[in-house]
Amino acid sequence: MPGLTVIILTYNEAVHIRRCLESALSVASEVIVVDSSSNDGTQKIARQAGVRVLHHEWVNYAYQLNWAIENGGISTEWVMRLDADEYLDERLAQDIRRNIAMAPDDVTGFEVKRQVIFQDKRIRFGGGVSPGRVLRLWRRGKACCEQRWMDEHMILLEGYSRLLGGVLYDHSLKTLTWWIEKHNRYANREAVDLLNKKYRFLPDERVPEGLTRTAKIKRLIKNGIYRRTPRGLRAVLYFIYRVVFRLGILDGSRGMSFHFLQGLWYRLTVDMKVTETERYMRIQKVDVTTAIREILDINVGGEPGAVDAPFGHQTERG
């Protein structure tokens, strides 16, 4: 069977890392943990599991992952990325083992179905968020992570991808307070993306050719229809779409809490941060990059996300 290396980025993931490593080792010939100065014993747990642990200070998610791909000394034919709070079901593990052994040369990547578990409740509906399709497995040298402030995806440099059976579970065991704080930081970064679409203070971002079809469609809808809909109203319409037209209401009370927080509260927070930044520009008579630094605590003159602490690595929101 062709070898597979799994890359896991960590920062204070002691609550998750054993579960993630057990899942990764069920399919991988090697596991690499790239840690950003954890102080909760994450590195010790990983070393005790017999996996390779590297240290690299956090810049942003894409930079960290691409650093691991380029500097991890990976020699296997296939590479996979997992977040520390993720794990595979048995069918997905079997499909990975079978498909990497049988894949034609022109298949350079595999997508998986990712399902969120929120407050120990599986989120089954809502339209593309859970389950959502993400590219997580690729031939070595055939993919990289795109550099973006938010919604980073893997890009295939050549070939095409197939969808695997089974499910990749995203199941955080951390507190709701942690989840809200994480998404508040996400909202800062997404606000920068929206402000850049209007003020063009960063290089124009085109939709990369190597994105999967699902990621391209979502990106085009977000950059087109969603961005052109009035602020505030678009968050409400998106929430209605998720809970009514994509049957999110069938996820029950905890599921509806997830759709409310991630589909309405989060989107409203992004819009309010954009409005707050523009109001600061008018009142203080400063340019957009200065306002972003003062209001959102992000220095857009550096690497995307360079001021972010390694707080909540998963950013694939679609």
Protein backbone atom coordinates (compact mmCIF):
# COMPACT_ATOMS: atom_id res chain seq x y z
CA MET A 1 0.00 0.00 0.00
CA PRO A 2 1.31 3.50 -0.79
CA GLY A 3 2.36 5.41 2.31
CA LEU A 4 0.29 8.19 3.86
CA THR A 5 1.49 11.00 6.12
CA VAL A 6 -1.07 12.85 8.25
CA ILE A 7 -0.30 16.44 9.32
CA ILE A 8 -1.94 17.81 12.48
CA LEU A 9 -1.52 21.46 13.53
CA THR A 10 -1.85 22.01 17.27
CA TYR A 11 -1.96 24.65 19.95
CA ASN A 12 -3.16 23.57 23.41
CA GLU A 13 -5.09 20.55 22.12
CA ALA A 14 -4.53 18.14 25.02
CA VAL A 15 -8.28 17.55 25.26
CA HIS A 16 -8.41 16.33 21.64
CA ILE A 17 -5.01 15.06 20.56
CA ARG A 18 -5.22 11.44 21.79
CA ARG A 19 -8.49 10.86 19.92
CA CYS A 20 -7.14 12.53 16.77
CA LEU A 21 -3.86 10.57 16.83
CA GLU A 22 -5.65 7.26 17.30
CA SER A 23 -7.77 8.03 14.24
CA ALA A 24 -4.81 9.23 12.16
CA LEU A 25 -2.69 6.19 13.01
CA SER A 26 -5.48 3.90 11.74
CA VAL A 27 -4.69 5.02 8.17
CA ALA A 28 -1.23 6.62 8.22
CA SER A 29 2.26 5.24 8.03
CA GLU A 30 3.50 8.48 9.62
CA VAL A 31 1.92 11.30 11.61
CA ILE A 32 3.49 14.74 12.01
CA VAL A 33 2.28 17.11 14.71
CA VAL A 34 3.29 20.75 14.10
CA ASP A 35 2.86 22.56 17.39
CA SER A 36 2.79 26.31 18.12
CA SER A 37 4.20 26.44 21.67
CA SER A 38 1.43 24.57 23.48
CA ASN A 39 1.65 24.73 27.27
CA ASP A 40 -0.97 22.13 28.20
CA GLY A 41 0.99 18.95 27.51
CA THR A 42 -0.02 18.52 23.87
CA GLN A 43 3.54 17.87 22.71
CA LYS A 44 4.17 15.34 25.49
CA ILE A 45 1.03 13.38 24.63
CA ALA A 46 1.97 13.31 20.95
CA ARG A 47 5.50 12.11 21.65
CA GLN A 48 4.20 9.40 23.95
CA ALA A 49 2.04 8.21 21.06
CA GLY A 50 5.22 7.74 19.01
CA VAL A 51 4.56 10.38 16.37
CA ARG A 52 6.95 13.04 15.12
CA VAL A 53 6.54 16.46 16.74
CA LEU A 54 7.83 19.64 15.11
CA HIS A 55 7.72 23.16 16.49
CA HIS A 56 6.91 26.23 14.42
CA GLU A 57 5.66 29.58 15.64
CA TRP A 58 2.22 30.55 14.37
CA VAL A 59 1.82 32.95 11.46
CA ASN A 60 -1.52 31.90 9.99
CA TYR A 61 -3.22 28.63 9.14
CA ALA A 62 -2.18 28.44 5.49
CA TYR A 63 1.42 29.42 6.24
CA GLN A 64 1.64 26.81 9.01
CA LEU A 65 0.25 24.02 6.85
CA ASN A 66 2.38 24.91 3.82
CA TRP A 67 5.43 25.07 6.09
CA ALA A 68 4.67 21.54 7.30
CA ILE A 69 4.22 20.29 3.74
CA GLU A 70 7.52 21.81 2.60
CA ASN A 71 9.65 21.24 5.70
CA GLY A 72 8.22 18.11 7.29
CA GLY A 73 10.50 15.72 5.42
CA ILE A 74 7.49 13.91 3.97
CA SER A 75 8.46 10.94 1.81
CA THR A 76 5.14 9.12 1.45
CA GLU A 77 3.15 9.24 -1.78
CA TRP A 78 0.03 10.65 -0.09
CA VAL A 79 -0.50 13.45 2.45
CA MET A 80 -3.55 14.26 4.58
CA ARG A 81 -4.38 17.08 7.00
CA LEU A 82 -6.48 16.72 10.11
CA ASP A 83 -7.47 19.30 12.68
CA ALA A 84 -6.87 18.23 16.25
CA ASP A 85 -10.61 18.09 17.02
CA GLU A 86 -11.38 15.84 14.04
CA TYR A 87 -11.51 12.06 13.58
CA LEU A 88 -12.52 9.54 10.91
CA ASP A 89 -15.36 7.06 11.02
CA GLU A 90 -14.53 3.47 10.14
CA ARG A 91 -15.97 3.64 6.61
CA LEU A 92 -13.83 6.67 5.76
CA ALA A 93 -10.73 4.95 7.17
CA GLN A 94 -11.43 1.90 5.01
CA ASP A 95 -12.07 4.05 1.94
CA ILE A 96 -8.80 5.91 2.43
CA ARG A 97 -6.80 2.70 2.68
CA ARG A 98 -8.49 1.22 -0.37
CA ASN A 99 -8.43 4.27 -2.63
CA ILE A 100 -4.84 5.39 -2.13
CA ALA A 101 -3.81 1.89 -3.16
CA MET A 102 -5.96 1.90 -6.32
CA ALA A 103 -6.09 5.55 -7.46
CA PRO A 104 -5.24 6.22 -11.14
CA ASP A 105 -2.33 8.58 -11.75
CA ASP A 106 -4.59 11.47 -12.75
CA VAL A 107 -6.44 11.34 -9.40
CA THR A 108 -4.31 13.61 -7.25
CA GLY A 109 -6.71 14.33 -4.39
CA PHE A 110 -9.69 13.07 -2.41
CA GLU A 111 -12.55 15.01 -0.88
CA VAL A 112 -14.28 13.91 2.30
CA LYS A 113 -17.66 14.66 3.86
CA ARG A 114 -17.10 16.68 7.02
CA GLN A 115 -19.83 16.67 9.66
CA VAL A 116 -19.93 19.01 12.66
CA ILE A 117 -20.83 17.77 16.14
CA PHE A 118 -21.89 20.76 18.24
CA GLN A 119 -22.52 20.35 21.97
CA ASP A 120 -22.45 16.56 21.34
CA LYS A 121 -25.19 16.89 18.69
CA ARG A 122 -24.57 15.86 15.06
CA ILE A 123 -25.52 18.65 12.68
CA ARG A 124 -27.10 16.85 9.74
CA PHE A 125 -28.80 19.68 7.87
CA GLY A 126 -28.28 23.31 6.96
CA GLY A 127 -26.89 23.16 3.45
CA GLY A 128 -23.20 22.63 2.85
CA VAL A 129 -21.94 23.47 6.35
CA SER A 130 -22.52 20.05 7.88
CA PRO A 131 -22.00 17.83 6.07
CA GLY A 132 -19.72 19.75 3.74
CA ARG A 133 -17.23 18.49 1.16
CA VAL A 134 -13.57 19.42 1.71
CA LEU A 135 -10.32 18.36 0.04
CA ARG A 136 -8.18 16.75 2.75
CA LEU A 137 -6.06 14.10 1.03
CA TRP A 138 -3.62 14.63 -1.87
CA ARG A 139 -0.58 13.25 -3.62
CA ARG A 140 2.66 14.70 -2.30
CA GLY A 141 3.65 17.77 -4.30
CA LYS A 142 0.25 18.07 -5.99
CA ALA A 143 -1.52 20.49 -3.62
CA CYS A 144 -1.01 23.48 -1.36
CA CYS A 145 -3.13 25.63 0.93
CA GLU A 146 -4.29 28.97 -0.49
CA GLN A 147 -3.23 32.11 1.40
CA ARG A 148 -6.40 33.90 2.54
CA TRP A 149 -7.58 35.80 5.59
CA MET A 150 -10.47 33.37 5.95
CA ASP A 151 -11.92 30.22 4.34
CA GLU A 152 -8.60 28.72 3.28
CA HIS A 153 -8.93 25.63 1.09
CA MET A 154 -6.51 23.16 -0.41
CA ILE A 155 -5.73 23.76 -4.09
CA LEU A 156 -4.86 20.93 -6.46
CA LEU A 157 -1.93 21.95 -8.65
CA GLU A 158 -2.80 19.30 -11.25
CA GLY A 159 -5.13 16.35 -11.76
CA TYR A 160 -8.56 16.02 -10.22
CA SER A 161 -10.23 14.77 -7.05
CA ARG A 162 -12.76 12.14 -6.07
CA LEU A 163 -15.15 11.92 -3.12
CA LEU A 164 -14.55 9.25 -0.48
CA GLY A 165 -17.28 7.45 1.45
CA GLY A 166 -17.64 7.78 5.18
CA VAL A 167 -17.48 10.86 7.38
CA LEU A 168 -14.86 13.12 8.91
CA TYR A 169 -16.24 14.32 12.24
CA ASP A 170 -15.44 17.82 13.56
CA HIS A 171 -16.20 17.41 17.26
CA SER A 172 -14.81 20.02 19.63
CA LEU A 173 -14.76 19.14 23.33
CA LYS A 174 -13.96 22.69 24.38
CA THR A 175 -16.42 25.07 25.99
CA LEU A 176 -19.06 27.22 24.34
CA THR A 177 -17.15 30.27 25.61
CA TRP A 178 -14.09 29.08 23.67
CA TRP A 179 -16.23 28.51 20.55
CA ILE A 180 -17.70 32.04 20.73
CA GLU A 181 -14.28 33.64 21.30
CA LYS A 182 -12.89 31.70 18.33
CA HIS A 183 -15.67 32.86 16.03
CA ASN A 184 -15.30 36.42 17.23
CA ARG A 185 -11.71 36.28 15.97
CA TYR A 186 -12.89 34.68 12.74
CA ALA A 187 -15.30 37.58 12.31
CA ASN A 188 -12.40 40.06 12.44
CA ARG A 189 -10.64 38.23 9.62
CA GLU A 190 -13.77 37.86 7.52
CA ALA A 191 -14.49 41.57 7.97
CA VAL A 192 -11.04 42.27 6.48
CA ASP A 193 -11.99 40.15 3.45
CA LEU A 194 -15.21 42.13 2.92
CA LEU A 195 -13.48 45.48 3.39
CA ASN A 196 -10.83 44.47 0.89
CA LYS A 197 -13.51 43.71 -1.71
CA LYS A 198 -14.65 47.34 -1.40
CA TYR A 199 -11.41 49.28 -0.81
CA ARG A 200 -8.86 47.07 -2.63
CA PHE A 201 -5.99 47.58 -0.19
CA LEU A 202 -4.67 44.06 -0.82
CA PRO A 203 -4.00 42.27 -4.14
CA ASP A 204 -7.15 41.14 -5.90
CA GLU A 205 -8.06 37.55 -5.08
CA ARG A 206 -9.21 35.40 -7.98
CA VAL A 207 -10.83 32.02 -7.54
CA PRO A 208 -7.96 29.54 -8.03
CA GLU A 209 -8.35 26.96 -10.76
CA GLY A 210 -7.28 24.19 -8.41
CA LEU A 211 -10.20 24.65 -6.02
CA THR A 212 -12.70 21.82 -5.92
CA ARG A 213 -16.01 22.39 -7.71
CA THR A 214 -17.87 22.69 -4.40
CA ALA A 215 -15.44 25.30 -3.04
CA LYS A 216 -15.59 27.28 -6.30
CA ILE A 217 -19.39 27.44 -6.28
CA LYS A 218 -19.49 28.58 -2.66
CA ARG A 219 -16.79 31.19 -3.25
CA LEU A 220 -18.60 32.58 -6.30
CA ILE A 221 -21.94 32.78 -4.44
CA LYS A 222 -20.29 34.45 -1.47
CA ASN A 223 -18.36 36.97 -3.60
CA GLY A 224 -21.36 37.64 -5.81
CA ILE A 225 -24.87 37.27 -4.41
CA TYR A 226 -24.08 37.38 -0.69
CA ARG A 227 -21.65 40.31 -0.82
CA ARG A 228 -24.08 42.43 -2.88
CA THR A 229 -26.99 41.86 -0.48
CA PRO A 230 -27.43 44.63 2.15
CA ARG A 231 -25.59 44.12 5.42
CA GLY A 232 -27.67 42.65 8.19
CA LEU A 233 -30.39 41.51 5.79
CA ARG A 234 -28.04 38.97 4.20
CA ALA A 235 -27.37 37.33 7.57
CA VAL A 236 -31.10 37.00 8.24
CA LEU A 237 -31.78 35.60 4.76
CA TYR A 238 -28.90 33.15 5.08
CA PHE A 239 -30.22 31.95 8.45
CA ILE A 240 -33.71 31.44 6.98
CA TYR A 241 -32.21 29.56 4.04
CA ARG A 242 -30.34 27.22 6.39
CA VAL A 243 -33.12 26.45 8.85
CA VAL A 244 -36.10 26.44 6.46
CA PHE A 245 -35.02 25.62 2.91
CA ARG A 246 -32.10 23.37 3.96
CA LEU A 247 -34.08 21.86 6.86
CA GLY A 248 -31.79 22.97 9.68
CA ILE A 249 -34.85 23.06 11.92
CA LEU A 250 -34.77 19.24 11.88
CA ASP A 251 -31.49 19.31 13.82
CA GLY A 252 -33.42 19.93 17.04
CA SER A 253 -32.81 22.46 19.78
CA ARG A 254 -29.02 22.10 19.98
CA GLY A 255 -28.82 22.06 16.20
CA MET A 256 -30.89 25.21 15.98
CA SER A 257 -28.54 26.80 18.51
CA PHE A 258 -25.66 25.98 16.18
CA HIS A 259 -27.43 27.40 13.13
CA PHE A 260 -28.35 30.54 15.08
CA LEU A 261 -24.80 31.10 16.35
CA GLN A 262 -22.90 30.11 13.21
CA GLY A 263 -25.44 31.17 10.60
CA LEU A 264 -26.96 34.35 12.09
CA TRP A 265 -24.98 35.68 15.08
CA TYR A 266 -21.63 35.14 13.37
CA ARG A 267 -22.73 36.70 10.06
CA LEU A 268 -24.30 39.68 11.83
CA THR A 269 -21.09 40.13 13.85
CA VAL A 270 -19.03 40.26 10.64
CA ASP A 271 -21.34 42.90 9.15
CA MET A 272 -21.31 44.97 12.33
CA LYS A 273 -17.51 44.91 12.44
CA VAL A 274 -17.37 46.15 8.84
CA THR A 275 -19.78 48.97 9.70
CA GLU A 276 -17.85 49.85 12.86
CA THR A 277 -14.58 50.02 10.92
CA GLU A 278 -16.08 52.32 8.28
CA ARG A 279 -17.62 54.55 10.94
CA TYR A 280 -14.20 54.87 12.60
CA MET A 281 -12.72 55.85 9.20
CA ARG A 282 -15.25 58.67 8.82
CA ILE A 283 -15.03 60.01 12.37
CA GLN A 284 -11.26 59.80 12.76
CA LYS A 285 -10.56 60.61 9.09
CA VAL A 286 -8.11 57.71 8.68
CA ASP A 287 -7.58 55.23 5.87
CA VAL A 288 -9.02 51.72 5.89
CA THR A 289 -5.81 49.93 6.90
CA THR A 290 -5.40 52.21 9.93
CA ALA A 291 -9.03 51.64 10.93
CA ILE A 292 -8.61 47.88 10.59
CA ARG A 293 -5.55 47.97 12.83
CA GLU A 294 -7.32 50.08 15.47
CA ILE A 295 -10.73 48.37 15.43
CA LEU A 296 -9.99 44.77 14.40
CA ASP A 297 -6.42 44.52 15.74
CA ILE A 298 -5.13 43.21 12.41
CA ASN A 299 -2.11 44.56 10.55
CA VAL A 300 -3.02 44.13 6.90
CA GLY A 301 0.46 45.20 5.86
CA GLY A 302 1.86 41.83 6.97
CA GLU A 303 1.05 38.23 6.17
CA PRO A 304 -2.69 37.42 6.19
CA GLY A 305 -3.60 36.73 9.80
CA ALA A 306 -0.09 37.45 11.03
CA VAL A 307 -1.32 39.02 14.26
CA ASP A 308 -3.60 36.10 15.06
CA ALA A 309 -2.67 33.87 17.93
CA PRO A 310 -3.01 30.14 17.15
CA PHE A 311 -6.53 30.13 18.55
CA GLY A 312 -8.86 27.71 16.83
CA HIS A 313 -7.12 26.31 13.80
CA GLN A 314 -10.10 25.14 11.81
CA THR A 315 -11.17 27.81 9.35
CA GLU A 316 -12.83 25.93 6.51
CA ARG A 317 -16.23 27.46 6.70
CA GLY A 318 -17.17 27.34 3.03
